[in-house]
């Protein structure tokens, strides 16, 4: 075969591959992907109302530019701004899906985005007046918002810097069976507040202020819209363990985890910006949103480990659970709200596996030290077997949704 023919065939093959990719992308539902891949969480449902200053309005952006930015963030070629948080999402998006997303975004009408801080938001109706409406003022930059929050005593002054500065570029280490997420072990995140410290129950924590507040579930629903982008409207997370199931969890546990993330006693750079006061509000907002989450029915079909009841691995995991886990989590996996021990019945296997490994290895800084000591001798196989058993604990019927296809009516 001549060199020209070889080149011709190669070009034809490349064209066919590219055409096939574009054809596949064209068949994908960009609007559905925009919701499923959690793009709306940061950029808004219309792609033009980002959650905070520092996140761009992308509706009406050229498809070519949007696609290139997604590719660069996924590859690491772009690592400024909020790229570290977005990179986590991009690892779960294929090239064809990126193309479909870029095309969808390009079809939307461009409207300059205005990130509205929940600290400045009011539900009060504007007073009737004949005076002309004042021109809307743009919100402060993310850096300025964080400085104001720190100055008001809402959080440590160390976060009065751009969020980009505290989101690391370091890679995460997860168990082989667990997907990559934005949550990182202790060594991967830096920052003065809580840096390098293992803190189970931080003194003077925001947790203490929230515990006795009565939740307003109506406002909790509004706040939860921020959370729903990743944890879904039902609060079920993802069976692959990317995001945990939150629904039905003890509000005390949720309060502790949110307070720890806000104070940087738990390292989760993807969630960190969304947990901050300007994203979801103050202590009362925390009480409201956890009250709403606790009220949601749980997923009747959570992600489970590979060993069914009756297998040797299941039985071994059952014994390990009885010997090591019952004291805190109970035989039924219900945990203890007053002790901040989480429910683990119905939780996704891959998520629990990742957390178990980090707790065992001392990388989950806000873990109960008693648990760290209890499981430090577990082998990787022990860990997988006991988590497999925990993932198969039955959830009480009264706590689960009618079916795995149930949709939260609040989001329909």
Protein backbone atom coordinates (compact mmCIF):
# COMPACT_ATOMS: atom_id res chain seq x y z
CA UNK A 1 0.00 0.00 0.00
CA UNK A 2 1.40 3.40 -0.97
CA UNK A 3 2.18 6.09 1.59
CA UNK A 4 -0.58 8.29 0.15
CA UNK A 5 -3.16 5.54 0.53
CA UNK A 6 -2.06 4.95 4.11
CA UNK A 7 -2.45 8.63 4.88
CA UNK A 8 -5.83 8.70 3.18
CA UNK A 9 -7.04 5.71 5.19
CA UNK A 10 -5.75 7.25 8.41
CA UNK A 11 -7.55 10.51 7.68
CA UNK A 12 -10.76 8.66 6.85
CA UNK A 13 -10.51 6.67 10.07
CA UNK A 14 -9.91 9.82 12.08
CA UNK A 15 -12.85 11.57 10.39
CA UNK A 16 -15.11 8.60 11.03
CA UNK A 17 -14.11 8.51 14.68
CA UNK A 18 -14.69 12.24 15.09
CA UNK A 19 -18.00 12.09 13.25
CA UNK A 20 -19.09 9.18 15.41
CA UNK A 21 -18.18 11.11 18.54
CA UNK A 22 -20.15 14.16 17.42
CA UNK A 23 -23.08 11.96 16.44
CA UNK A 24 -23.06 10.36 19.87
CA UNK A 25 -22.83 13.76 21.55
CA UNK A 26 -25.75 15.00 19.47
CA UNK A 27 -27.83 12.08 20.71
CA UNK A 28 -27.22 13.01 24.36
CA UNK A 29 -29.61 15.25 26.28
CA UNK A 30 -27.50 18.25 27.27
CA UNK A 31 -30.18 19.69 29.56
CA UNK A 32 -30.45 16.41 31.47
CA UNK A 33 -26.66 16.14 31.69
CA UNK A 34 -26.47 19.70 33.01
CA UNK A 35 -28.65 18.62 35.94
CA UNK A 36 -27.26 15.10 36.39
CA UNK A 37 -23.61 16.18 36.38
CA UNK A 38 -24.35 18.82 39.05
CA UNK A 39 -23.47 21.80 36.80
CA UNK A 40 -26.54 23.65 38.09
CA UNK A 41 -25.18 23.56 41.63
CA UNK A 42 -22.51 26.16 40.81
CA UNK A 43 -23.79 27.88 37.67
CA UNK A 44 -27.54 27.91 38.38
CA UNK A 45 -30.35 26.03 36.69
CA UNK A 46 -30.29 28.51 33.82
CA UNK A 47 -26.46 28.54 33.69
CA UNK A 48 -26.62 32.28 34.37
CA UNK A 49 -27.26 32.53 38.10
CA UNK A 50 -24.13 31.17 39.81
CA UNK A 51 -24.26 30.37 43.47
CA UNK A 52 -21.53 32.84 44.45
CA UNK A 53 -19.31 35.51 43.00
CA UNK A 54 -16.32 33.72 41.57
CA UNK A 55 -18.47 31.25 39.63
CA UNK A 56 -19.20 32.36 36.05
CA UNK A 57 -22.45 32.74 34.16
CA UNK A 58 -21.95 30.39 31.21
CA UNK A 59 -25.29 30.51 29.36
CA UNK A 60 -24.75 31.61 25.77
CA UNK A 61 -21.03 30.83 25.88
CA UNK A 62 -19.61 29.49 22.61
CA UNK A 63 -19.64 25.70 22.48
CA UNK A 64 -16.01 25.57 21.36
CA UNK A 65 -14.80 27.66 24.28
CA UNK A 66 -16.92 25.83 26.86
CA UNK A 67 -15.73 22.46 25.60
CA UNK A 68 -12.07 23.48 25.67
CA UNK A 69 -12.35 24.77 29.23
CA UNK A 70 -13.95 21.52 30.40
CA UNK A 71 -11.19 19.50 28.72
CA UNK A 72 -8.47 21.71 30.22
CA UNK A 73 -9.96 21.45 33.71
CA UNK A 74 -10.29 17.68 33.42
CA UNK A 75 -6.69 17.27 32.25
CA UNK A 76 -5.29 19.73 34.78
CA UNK A 77 -4.12 22.19 32.14
CA UNK A 78 -6.34 24.78 33.82
CA UNK A 79 -6.10 24.91 37.59
CA UNK A 80 -7.06 28.44 38.58
CA UNK A 81 -10.22 29.76 40.21
CA UNK A 82 -12.66 26.99 41.08
CA UNK A 83 -11.06 24.50 38.69
CA UNK A 84 -10.06 22.14 41.51
CA UNK A 85 -13.67 21.70 42.60
CA UNK A 86 -14.88 21.36 39.00
CA UNK A 87 -12.12 18.89 38.13
CA UNK A 88 -13.73 16.37 40.45
CA UNK A 89 -16.98 16.60 38.51
CA UNK A 90 -15.20 16.46 35.14
CA UNK A 91 -13.64 13.10 36.01
CA UNK A 92 -17.15 11.68 35.81
CA UNK A 93 -17.94 13.27 32.43
CA UNK A 94 -16.95 11.62 29.13
CA UNK A 95 -15.72 13.51 26.07
CA UNK A 96 -19.06 12.95 24.36
CA UNK A 97 -20.94 14.24 27.40
CA UNK A 98 -18.70 17.32 27.54
CA UNK A 99 -19.49 18.04 23.90
CA UNK A 100 -23.22 17.69 24.58
CA UNK A 101 -22.96 19.98 27.63
CA UNK A 102 -21.04 22.60 25.65
CA UNK A 103 -23.63 22.53 22.89
CA UNK A 104 -26.48 22.84 25.37
CA UNK A 105 -24.89 25.79 27.19
CA UNK A 106 -24.32 27.58 23.88
CA UNK A 107 -28.05 27.46 23.09
CA UNK A 108 -29.06 29.27 26.27
CA UNK A 109 -29.77 32.98 26.32
CA UNK A 110 -26.97 34.96 27.87
CA UNK A 111 -27.97 36.86 31.00
CA UNK A 112 -25.23 38.39 33.13
CA UNK A 113 -25.12 36.30 36.30
CA UNK A 114 -25.64 37.79 39.71
CA UNK A 115 -24.55 35.61 42.64
CA UNK A 116 -26.80 36.47 45.57
CA UNK A 117 -25.36 35.91 49.02
CA UNK A 118 -27.84 34.29 51.38
CA UNK A 119 -26.51 36.61 54.07
CA UNK A 120 -27.99 39.56 52.17
CA UNK A 121 -31.15 37.82 50.94
CA UNK A 122 -34.55 38.74 52.36
CA UNK A 123 -37.92 37.15 51.74
CA UNK A 124 -39.77 40.30 52.68
CA UNK A 125 -41.96 41.86 50.00
CA UNK A 126 -40.64 45.24 48.79
CA UNK A 127 -42.56 48.18 50.15
CA UNK A 128 -44.94 49.90 47.73
CA UNK A 129 -43.42 53.08 46.39
CA UNK A 130 -43.64 55.40 43.44
CA UNK A 131 -39.92 56.01 43.54
CA UNK A 132 -37.90 54.57 40.68
CA UNK A 133 -36.24 51.26 41.46
CA UNK A 134 -32.63 51.62 42.42
CA UNK A 135 -30.10 50.10 40.11
CA UNK A 136 -29.00 46.65 41.28
CA UNK A 137 -25.56 46.63 42.76
CA UNK A 138 -23.20 43.79 41.97
CA UNK A 139 -22.33 41.60 44.92
CA UNK A 140 -18.93 41.61 46.51
CA UNK A 141 -16.25 39.38 45.14
CA UNK A 142 -15.81 36.01 46.85
CA UNK A 143 -12.70 37.35 48.55
CA UNK A 144 -14.56 40.36 49.94
CA UNK A 145 -17.50 38.22 51.10
CA UNK A 146 -15.16 35.91 52.98
CA UNK A 147 -13.38 38.85 54.58
CA UNK A 148 -16.72 40.22 55.80
CA UNK A 149 -17.73 36.88 57.22
CA UNK A 150 -14.41 36.51 59.02
CA UNK A 151 -14.65 40.05 60.38
CA UNK A 152 -18.14 39.30 61.68
CA UNK A 153 -16.78 36.34 63.60
CA UNK A 154 -18.62 33.75 61.53
CA UNK A 155 -15.48 31.78 60.83
CA UNK A 156 -11.72 31.86 61.26
CA UNK A 157 -9.90 34.77 59.69
CA UNK A 158 -7.77 32.37 57.70
CA UNK A 159 -10.62 31.85 55.25
CA UNK A 160 -10.64 35.55 54.44
CA UNK A 161 -8.78 34.70 51.26
CA UNK A 162 -10.10 33.52 47.94
CA UNK A 163 -11.54 30.03 48.16
CA UNK A 164 -9.25 29.20 45.26
CA UNK A 165 -6.30 29.69 47.57
CA UNK A 166 -7.46 27.00 49.98
CA UNK A 167 -8.45 24.45 47.37
CA UNK A 168 -5.39 22.27 46.80
CA UNK A 169 -4.17 20.80 43.55
CA UNK A 170 -2.96 17.64 45.29
CA UNK A 171 -4.41 14.34 44.10
CA UNK A 172 -6.66 12.33 46.38
CA UNK A 173 -6.03 8.77 47.47
CA UNK A 174 -9.07 6.53 47.65
CA UNK A 175 -9.71 2.81 47.92
CA UNK A 176 -9.56 1.08 44.55
CA UNK A 177 -13.27 0.34 44.60
CA UNK A 178 -14.28 3.91 45.34
CA UNK A 179 -14.63 6.65 42.70
CA UNK A 180 -12.67 9.89 42.87
CA UNK A 181 -14.36 12.70 44.78
CA UNK A 182 -13.49 16.17 45.95
CA UNK A 183 -13.14 14.97 49.51
CA UNK A 184 -9.52 14.57 50.48
CA UNK A 185 -7.58 12.96 53.31
CA UNK A 186 -6.01 15.30 55.82
CA UNK A 187 -2.62 15.68 54.15
CA UNK A 188 -4.20 17.02 50.97
CA UNK A 189 -5.77 20.25 52.25
CA UNK A 190 -4.06 23.24 53.78
CA UNK A 191 -5.25 26.20 55.81
CA UNK A 192 -4.63 27.60 59.29
CA UNK A 193 -8.01 26.78 60.78
CA UNK A 194 -7.84 23.18 61.88
CA UNK A 195 -4.73 22.51 59.84
CA UNK A 196 -2.99 19.29 60.83
CA UNK A 197 -5.23 18.76 63.86
CA UNK A 198 -7.33 15.72 64.63
CA UNK A 199 -10.48 17.10 66.22
CA UNK A 200 -13.40 14.84 67.11
CA UNK A 201 -15.49 17.35 69.11
CA UNK A 202 -14.09 20.85 68.63
CA UNK A 203 -14.62 23.19 71.58
CA UNK A 204 -16.46 26.40 70.77
CA UNK A 205 -17.68 24.88 67.53
CA UNK A 206 -20.59 26.29 65.57
CA UNK A 207 -22.12 22.88 66.29
CA UNK A 208 -22.89 23.98 69.84
CA UNK A 209 -24.82 27.05 68.67
CA UNK A 210 -26.91 25.09 66.16
CA UNK A 211 -27.89 22.12 68.31
CA UNK A 212 -30.73 23.80 70.22
CA UNK A 213 -32.20 25.80 67.35
CA UNK A 214 -35.67 24.84 66.11
CA UNK A 215 -35.54 24.07 62.37
CA UNK A 216 -37.73 25.88 59.86
CA UNK A 217 -38.31 23.16 57.26
CA UNK A 218 -39.64 25.58 54.66
CA UNK A 219 -36.39 27.50 54.72
CA UNK A 220 -34.54 24.18 54.99
CA UNK A 221 -35.95 23.20 51.60
CA UNK A 222 -34.74 26.46 50.09
CA UNK A 223 -31.26 26.00 51.54
CA UNK A 224 -31.20 22.37 50.42
CA UNK A 225 -31.45 23.46 46.79
CA UNK A 226 -27.73 24.19 47.05
CA UNK A 227 -27.08 20.66 48.31
CA UNK A 228 -29.37 18.92 45.83
CA UNK A 229 -27.00 19.41 42.91
CA UNK A 230 -24.71 16.72 44.31
CA UNK A 231 -26.85 14.82 46.80
CA UNK A 232 -29.95 14.92 44.54
CA UNK A 233 -33.39 16.22 45.40
CA UNK A 234 -34.11 13.03 47.31
CA UNK A 235 -30.93 13.27 49.38
CA UNK A 236 -29.87 9.83 48.14
CA UNK A 237 -26.44 10.70 46.79
CA UNK A 238 -25.00 8.31 44.23
CA UNK A 239 -24.89 4.49 44.54
CA UNK A 240 -21.32 4.55 43.21
CA UNK A 241 -20.32 6.38 46.39
CA UNK A 242 -19.36 9.66 44.74
CA UNK A 243 -21.76 11.43 47.09
CA UNK A 244 -23.22 9.91 50.27
CA UNK A 245 -26.87 9.40 51.09
CA UNK A 246 -27.93 12.14 53.50
CA UNK A 247 -31.66 11.48 53.79
CA UNK A 248 -32.76 10.09 57.12
CA UNK A 249 -29.42 10.83 58.78
CA UNK A 250 -29.51 12.11 62.38
CA UNK A 251 -29.59 15.90 62.38
CA UNK A 252 -26.95 15.91 65.11
CA UNK A 253 -24.54 14.05 62.83
CA UNK A 254 -25.28 16.37 59.92
CA UNK A 255 -24.76 19.45 62.10
CA UNK A 256 -21.40 18.18 63.29
CA UNK A 257 -20.17 17.36 59.78
CA UNK A 258 -21.28 20.68 58.30
CA UNK A 259 -19.76 22.63 61.17
CA UNK A 260 -16.52 20.65 60.85
CA UNK A 261 -16.31 21.30 57.11
CA UNK A 262 -16.99 25.01 57.60
CA UNK A 263 -14.26 25.18 60.26
CA UNK A 264 -11.91 23.06 58.11
CA UNK A 265 -11.74 20.30 60.69
CA UNK A 266 -12.91 17.94 57.95
CA UNK A 267 -11.21 18.18 54.56
CA UNK A 268 -13.67 18.42 51.69
CA UNK A 269 -12.64 21.11 49.18
CA UNK A 270 -15.48 20.34 46.79
CA UNK A 271 -18.14 20.84 49.44
CA UNK A 272 -16.34 23.60 51.34
CA UNK A 273 -17.50 26.57 49.20
CA UNK A 274 -21.12 25.35 49.35
CA UNK A 275 -21.04 24.91 53.12
CA UNK A 276 -19.87 28.46 53.79
CA UNK A 277 -22.31 30.98 55.28
CA UNK A 278 -22.58 33.05 52.07
CA UNK A 279 -23.72 29.92 50.23
CA UNK A 280 -26.23 28.43 52.67
CA UNK A 281 -26.54 30.89 55.53
CA UNK A 282 -25.88 31.19 59.25
CA UNK A 283 -26.42 28.88 62.22
CA UNK A 284 -30.20 28.98 61.83
CA UNK A 285 -29.88 27.99 58.18
CA UNK A 286 -27.80 24.98 59.25
CA UNK A 287 -30.51 23.93 61.67
CA UNK A 288 -33.13 24.40 58.96
CA UNK A 289 -31.39 22.37 56.26
CA UNK A 290 -30.42 19.44 58.47
CA UNK A 291 -33.97 19.27 59.79
CA UNK A 292 -35.23 19.05 56.21
CA UNK A 293 -32.66 16.41 55.24
CA UNK A 294 -33.46 14.26 58.27
CA UNK A 295 -37.13 14.26 57.26
CA UNK A 296 -36.51 12.82 53.77
CA UNK A 297 -37.25 9.12 53.14
CA UNK A 298 -34.22 6.97 52.41
CA UNK A 299 -33.23 5.13 49.25
CA UNK A 300 -34.58 1.55 49.31
CA UNK A 301 -31.85 0.46 46.89
CA UNK A 302 -28.51 1.80 48.13
CA UNK A 303 -25.15 0.80 46.65
CA UNK A 304 -24.03 -2.51 48.15
CA UNK A 305 -20.86 -4.56 48.33
CA UNK A 306 -20.28 -7.63 46.17
CA UNK A 307 -20.93 -10.44 48.70
CA UNK A 308 -24.51 -11.49 49.28
CA UNK A 309 -25.85 -13.09 52.44
CA UNK A 310 -24.68 -16.69 52.78
CA UNK A 311 -21.24 -16.16 51.25
CA UNK A 312 -18.16 -16.70 53.47
CA UNK A 313 -17.21 -13.03 53.05
CA UNK A 314 -20.64 -11.88 54.21
CA UNK A 315 -20.47 -14.09 57.30
CA UNK A 316 -16.97 -12.88 58.12
CA UNK A 317 -18.10 -9.28 57.74
CA UNK A 318 -21.06 -9.97 60.00
CA UNK A 319 -18.75 -11.28 62.71
CA UNK A 320 -16.37 -8.34 62.36
CA UNK A 321 -19.32 -5.98 62.66
CA UNK A 322 -20.59 -7.72 65.80
CA UNK A 323 -17.15 -7.61 67.40
CA UNK A 324 -16.23 -4.04 66.50
CA UNK A 325 -19.15 -1.90 65.37
CA UNK A 326 -22.27 -2.75 67.37
CA UNK A 327 -21.26 -0.75 70.43
CA UNK A 328 -21.53 2.56 68.55
CA UNK A 329 -23.63 1.92 65.46
CA UNK A 330 -25.96 -0.70 66.92
CA UNK A 331 -26.94 -4.08 65.55
CA UNK A 332 -29.25 -2.36 63.08
CA UNK A 333 -26.75 0.33 62.02
CA UNK A 334 -28.92 3.12 63.40
CA UNK A 335 -26.11 4.84 65.28
CA UNK A 336 -26.69 7.16 68.26
CA UNK A 337 -27.83 10.70 67.63
CA UNK A 338 -26.87 12.01 71.07
CA UNK A 339 -23.34 10.64 70.64
CA UNK A 340 -23.00 11.91 67.03
CA UNK A 341 -22.62 8.32 65.80
CA UNK A 342 -24.07 8.21 62.26
CA UNK A 343 -26.65 5.91 60.80
CA UNK A 344 -24.89 3.57 58.40
CA UNK A 345 -27.86 1.42 57.42
CA UNK A 346 -28.69 2.19 53.81
CA UNK A 347 -25.42 4.05 53.18
CA UNK A 348 -23.59 3.37 49.92
CA UNK A 349 -20.84 0.74 50.07
CA UNK A 350 -18.19 2.71 48.15
CA UNK A 351 -18.71 5.81 50.27
CA UNK A 352 -18.41 3.87 53.53
CA UNK A 353 -15.35 2.05 52.20
CA UNK A 354 -13.57 5.31 51.47
CA UNK A 355 -14.39 6.76 54.88
CA UNK A 356 -13.45 3.55 56.68
CA UNK A 357 -10.02 3.54 55.05
CA UNK A 358 -9.34 7.16 55.96
CA UNK A 359 -10.52 6.64 59.54
CA UNK A 360 -8.43 3.48 59.89
CA UNK A 361 -5.34 5.24 58.52
CA UNK A 362 -5.82 8.38 60.61
CA UNK A 363 -6.63 10.61 57.63
CA UNK A 364 -10.19 11.57 58.57
CA UNK A 365 -9.32 14.29 61.06
CA UNK A 366 -12.75 14.67 62.67
CA UNK A 367 -13.22 10.93 63.27
CA UNK A 368 -13.96 9.50 66.69
CA UNK A 369 -10.56 8.46 68.11
CA UNK A 370 -12.17 5.40 69.67
CA UNK A 371 -13.10 4.16 66.20
CA UNK A 372 -9.64 4.89 64.87
CA UNK A 373 -8.19 2.74 67.63
CA UNK A 374 -10.83 0.02 67.21
CA UNK A 375 -10.22 -0.59 63.50
CA UNK A 376 -6.53 0.20 63.12
CA UNK A 377 -5.63 -3.51 62.81
CA UNK A 378 -8.16 -4.20 60.04
CA UNK A 379 -6.66 -5.47 56.80
CA UNK A 380 -8.01 -4.18 53.48
CA UNK A 381 -9.96 -7.42 53.11
CA UNK A 382 -11.39 -7.12 56.63
CA UNK A 383 -12.43 -3.59 55.77
CA UNK A 384 -14.22 -4.62 52.57
CA UNK A 385 -16.04 -7.50 54.26
CA UNK A 386 -17.33 -5.49 57.22
CA UNK A 387 -18.40 -2.58 55.00
CA UNK A 388 -20.09 -5.05 52.65
CA UNK A 389 -22.11 -6.33 55.60
CA UNK A 390 -22.96 -2.81 56.78
CA UNK A 391 -24.14 -1.84 53.30
CA UNK A 392 -26.62 -4.72 53.42
CA UNK A 393 -28.20 -3.87 56.77
CA UNK A 394 -31.96 -3.55 56.22
CA UNK A 395 -33.48 -0.09 56.61
CA UNK A 396 -36.78 0.05 58.53
CA UNK A 397 -39.72 0.18 56.11
CA UNK A 398 -41.07 3.33 57.69
CA UNK A 399 -37.82 5.14 56.86
CA UNK A 400 -37.60 4.36 53.15
CA UNK A 401 -39.33 5.77 50.07
CA UNK A 402 -42.11 3.73 48.41
CA UNK A 403 -39.77 2.67 45.60
CA UNK A 404 -36.33 3.31 44.15
CA UNK A 405 -38.04 5.45 41.48
CA UNK A 406 -39.55 7.85 44.03
CA UNK A 407 -38.97 11.54 43.30
CA UNK A 408 -39.06 14.28 45.88
CA UNK A 409 -42.22 16.28 45.09
CA UNK A 410 -40.54 19.41 46.45
CA UNK A 411 -38.28 19.37 43.38
CA UNK A 412 -40.83 18.56 40.69
